N, C-alpha and C. Protein backbone atom coordinates (compact mmCIF):
# COMPACT_ATOMS: atom_id res chain seq x y z
N MET A 1 -8.07 7.50 2.82
CA MET A 1 -7.04 8.41 3.29
C MET A 1 -7.07 9.69 2.47
N GLU A 2 -6.95 10.78 3.16
CA GLU A 2 -6.92 12.08 2.49
C GLU A 2 -5.47 12.46 2.21
N LYS A 3 -5.22 12.83 0.99
CA LYS A 3 -3.86 13.23 0.60
C LYS A 3 -3.67 14.70 0.94
N LEU A 4 -2.62 15.02 1.69
CA LEU A 4 -2.34 16.40 2.06
C LEU A 4 -1.43 17.04 1.03
N SER A 5 -1.52 18.31 0.90
CA SER A 5 -0.72 19.04 -0.07
C SER A 5 0.77 18.96 0.27
N PRO A 6 1.61 18.47 -0.67
CA PRO A 6 3.04 18.37 -0.39
C PRO A 6 3.70 19.74 -0.25
N GLN A 7 3.03 20.81 -0.71
CA GLN A 7 3.61 22.14 -0.55
C GLN A 7 3.48 22.62 0.90
N ILE A 8 2.53 22.06 1.64
CA ILE A 8 2.29 22.50 3.01
C ILE A 8 2.76 21.47 4.04
N HIS A 9 2.52 20.21 3.77
CA HIS A 9 2.84 19.15 4.72
C HIS A 9 3.97 18.28 4.17
N TYR A 10 4.86 17.93 5.03
CA TYR A 10 5.93 17.01 4.66
C TYR A 10 6.40 16.29 5.91
N SER A 11 7.05 15.18 5.71
CA SER A 11 7.57 14.42 6.84
C SER A 11 9.05 14.69 6.97
N GLU A 12 9.58 14.46 8.15
CA GLU A 12 11.00 14.65 8.39
C GLU A 12 11.51 13.44 9.14
N GLU A 13 12.64 12.93 8.71
CA GLU A 13 13.23 11.75 9.32
C GLU A 13 14.04 12.15 10.55
N LYS A 14 13.86 11.40 11.64
CA LYS A 14 14.63 11.66 12.85
C LYS A 14 16.08 11.23 12.65
N LEU A 15 16.99 11.89 13.35
CA LEU A 15 18.41 11.57 13.29
C LEU A 15 18.66 10.11 13.65
N SER A 16 17.97 9.60 14.66
CA SER A 16 18.17 8.20 15.09
C SER A 16 17.80 7.22 13.99
N ARG A 17 16.76 7.53 13.22
CA ARG A 17 16.36 6.66 12.10
C ARG A 17 17.45 6.65 11.03
N THR A 18 17.99 7.83 10.72
CA THR A 18 19.06 7.91 9.72
C THR A 18 20.27 7.12 10.17
N ILE A 19 20.61 7.19 11.44
CA ILE A 19 21.77 6.46 11.96
C ILE A 19 21.54 4.94 11.87
N VAL A 20 20.36 4.47 12.25
CA VAL A 20 20.06 3.03 12.18
C VAL A 20 20.08 2.56 10.72
N LYS A 21 19.50 3.34 9.81
CA LYS A 21 19.53 2.99 8.39
C LYS A 21 20.97 2.93 7.88
N THR A 22 21.78 3.88 8.29
CA THR A 22 23.18 3.92 7.87
C THR A 22 23.93 2.68 8.35
N VAL A 23 23.76 2.32 9.61
CA VAL A 23 24.48 1.18 10.19
C VAL A 23 24.03 -0.13 9.54
N THR A 24 22.73 -0.34 9.38
CA THR A 24 22.26 -1.60 8.79
C THR A 24 22.66 -1.71 7.33
N TYR A 25 22.62 -0.60 6.60
CA TYR A 25 23.06 -0.60 5.21
C TYR A 25 24.55 -0.93 5.12
N ARG A 26 25.33 -0.33 5.99
CA ARG A 26 26.78 -0.56 5.98
C ARG A 26 27.11 -2.00 6.30
N LEU A 27 26.43 -2.62 7.23
CA LEU A 27 26.69 -4.03 7.55
C LEU A 27 26.44 -4.91 6.32
N PHE A 28 25.37 -4.62 5.61
CA PHE A 28 25.05 -5.35 4.40
C PHE A 28 26.15 -5.15 3.35
N ILE A 29 26.58 -3.91 3.17
CA ILE A 29 27.61 -3.59 2.19
C ILE A 29 28.97 -4.20 2.60
N LEU A 30 29.26 -4.24 3.89
CA LEU A 30 30.50 -4.89 4.35
C LEU A 30 30.56 -6.33 3.87
N LEU A 31 29.47 -7.04 4.06
CA LEU A 31 29.42 -8.44 3.63
C LEU A 31 29.57 -8.57 2.12
N LEU A 32 28.89 -7.71 1.38
CA LEU A 32 29.00 -7.74 -0.08
C LEU A 32 30.42 -7.42 -0.55
N ASP A 33 31.03 -6.38 0.04
CA ASP A 33 32.39 -6.00 -0.33
C ASP A 33 33.37 -7.14 -0.06
N PHE A 34 33.31 -7.68 1.15
CA PHE A 34 34.24 -8.75 1.50
C PHE A 34 34.07 -9.95 0.57
N THR A 35 32.84 -10.36 0.37
CA THR A 35 32.57 -11.53 -0.46
C THR A 35 33.07 -11.33 -1.89
N THR A 36 32.77 -10.17 -2.46
CA THR A 36 33.18 -9.89 -3.84
C THR A 36 34.69 -9.88 -3.99
N ILE A 37 35.38 -9.14 -3.12
CA ILE A 37 36.84 -9.04 -3.23
C ILE A 37 37.50 -10.39 -2.94
N PHE A 38 36.96 -11.11 -1.97
CA PHE A 38 37.53 -12.43 -1.66
C PHE A 38 37.36 -13.38 -2.85
N LEU A 39 36.19 -13.36 -3.47
CA LEU A 39 35.97 -14.24 -4.63
C LEU A 39 36.88 -13.88 -5.80
N LEU A 40 37.20 -12.59 -5.94
CA LEU A 40 38.07 -12.16 -7.04
C LEU A 40 39.56 -12.43 -6.76
N THR A 41 39.97 -12.30 -5.49
CA THR A 41 41.39 -12.41 -5.16
C THR A 41 41.76 -13.69 -4.41
N HIS A 42 40.81 -14.29 -3.73
CA HIS A 42 41.05 -15.45 -2.85
C HIS A 42 42.05 -15.11 -1.74
N LYS A 43 42.08 -13.82 -1.35
CA LYS A 43 42.98 -13.37 -0.28
C LYS A 43 42.16 -12.65 0.78
N THR A 44 42.17 -13.24 1.98
CA THR A 44 41.39 -12.69 3.09
C THR A 44 41.88 -11.30 3.49
N LYS A 45 43.20 -11.12 3.59
CA LYS A 45 43.75 -9.82 4.01
C LYS A 45 43.40 -8.71 3.04
N VAL A 46 43.46 -8.97 1.76
CA VAL A 46 43.11 -7.97 0.75
C VAL A 46 41.63 -7.63 0.86
N ALA A 47 40.79 -8.64 1.00
CA ALA A 47 39.34 -8.41 1.12
C ALA A 47 39.01 -7.61 2.37
N LEU A 48 39.64 -7.95 3.50
CA LEU A 48 39.40 -7.21 4.73
C LEU A 48 39.88 -5.76 4.63
N GLY A 49 41.06 -5.56 4.05
CA GLY A 49 41.60 -4.22 3.89
C GLY A 49 40.70 -3.34 3.05
N PHE A 50 40.30 -3.86 1.91
CA PHE A 50 39.40 -3.11 1.03
C PHE A 50 38.09 -2.80 1.74
N MET A 51 37.54 -3.81 2.41
CA MET A 51 36.27 -3.67 3.10
C MET A 51 36.34 -2.55 4.15
N ILE A 52 37.39 -2.51 4.92
CA ILE A 52 37.52 -1.50 5.98
C ILE A 52 37.70 -0.11 5.40
N VAL A 53 38.63 0.06 4.50
CA VAL A 53 38.93 1.39 3.95
C VAL A 53 37.73 1.96 3.19
N SER A 54 37.16 1.17 2.30
CA SER A 54 36.07 1.71 1.49
C SER A 54 34.83 2.03 2.32
N ASN A 55 34.61 1.28 3.38
CA ASN A 55 33.41 1.51 4.16
C ASN A 55 33.51 2.67 5.14
N ILE A 56 34.70 3.13 5.42
CA ILE A 56 34.84 4.31 6.26
C ILE A 56 34.32 5.54 5.53
N TYR A 57 34.85 5.79 4.33
CA TYR A 57 34.42 7.00 3.62
C TYR A 57 33.03 6.87 3.00
N THR A 58 32.62 5.68 2.61
CA THR A 58 31.29 5.56 2.03
C THR A 58 30.19 5.64 3.09
N THR A 59 30.48 5.26 4.33
CA THR A 59 29.50 5.42 5.42
C THR A 59 29.24 6.89 5.67
N ILE A 60 30.28 7.67 5.72
CA ILE A 60 30.14 9.11 5.91
C ILE A 60 29.36 9.72 4.74
N GLY A 61 29.69 9.31 3.53
CA GLY A 61 29.00 9.80 2.35
C GLY A 61 27.53 9.46 2.36
N TYR A 62 27.19 8.23 2.73
CA TYR A 62 25.79 7.81 2.79
C TYR A 62 25.03 8.62 3.83
N PHE A 63 25.61 8.80 5.00
CA PHE A 63 24.96 9.56 6.07
C PHE A 63 24.67 10.99 5.61
N LEU A 64 25.66 11.66 5.02
CA LEU A 64 25.48 13.03 4.54
C LEU A 64 24.43 13.09 3.43
N HIS A 65 24.43 12.10 2.55
CA HIS A 65 23.45 12.03 1.47
C HIS A 65 22.04 11.91 2.04
N GLU A 66 21.83 11.03 3.00
CA GLU A 66 20.52 10.85 3.62
C GLU A 66 20.04 12.12 4.32
N ARG A 67 20.92 12.76 5.07
CA ARG A 67 20.52 13.97 5.80
C ARG A 67 20.20 15.12 4.84
N THR A 68 20.94 15.21 3.75
CA THR A 68 20.68 16.24 2.76
C THR A 68 19.31 16.02 2.11
N TRP A 69 19.03 14.79 1.69
CA TRP A 69 17.76 14.50 1.05
C TRP A 69 16.60 14.66 2.02
N ASP A 70 16.81 14.45 3.31
CA ASP A 70 15.73 14.63 4.27
C ASP A 70 15.30 16.09 4.35
N LYS A 71 16.17 17.00 4.04
CA LYS A 71 15.85 18.42 4.10
C LYS A 71 15.13 18.91 2.83
N ILE A 72 15.13 18.10 1.79
CA ILE A 72 14.47 18.47 0.54
C ILE A 72 13.00 18.05 0.61
N LYS A 73 12.11 19.01 0.47
CA LYS A 73 10.68 18.74 0.61
C LYS A 73 10.08 18.10 -0.64
N TRP A 74 10.72 18.24 -1.78
CA TRP A 74 10.20 17.72 -3.03
C TRP A 74 9.92 16.21 -2.94
N GLY A 75 8.73 15.82 -3.34
CA GLY A 75 8.38 14.40 -3.40
C GLY A 75 7.92 13.78 -2.10
N LYS A 76 7.83 14.56 -1.03
CA LYS A 76 7.38 14.02 0.26
C LYS A 76 5.90 14.26 0.41
N MET A 77 5.20 13.23 0.87
CA MET A 77 3.78 13.36 1.16
C MET A 77 3.49 12.58 2.43
N ILE A 78 2.56 13.07 3.22
CA ILE A 78 2.09 12.32 4.37
C ILE A 78 0.58 12.17 4.21
N TYR A 79 0.04 11.15 4.81
CA TYR A 79 -1.39 10.88 4.71
C TYR A 79 -1.99 10.93 6.09
N ARG A 80 -3.22 11.40 6.15
CA ARG A 80 -3.94 11.52 7.41
C ARG A 80 -5.16 10.60 7.33
N LYS A 81 -5.40 9.84 8.40
CA LYS A 81 -6.59 8.98 8.46
C LYS A 81 -7.82 9.85 8.67
N LYS A 82 -8.92 9.46 8.04
CA LYS A 82 -10.18 10.21 8.21
C LYS A 82 -10.85 9.84 9.50
């Protein structure tokens, strides 16, 4: 594989990919949040409440973080088959 110059060539993530990554990551985090809070409190309502509230604002934050980093060309390389 020939390495292309990162100053000239870079990849860009499609919006649909970012959305799917955001949703799958959030589902994983929902389970972790619920499990952790439930194990600490032994209260389902508290665990559900925390899980819902925290995941609303952190989902938005994750999405914005991903889209911002996708616009940064630093560290991106693509490879071309010979």
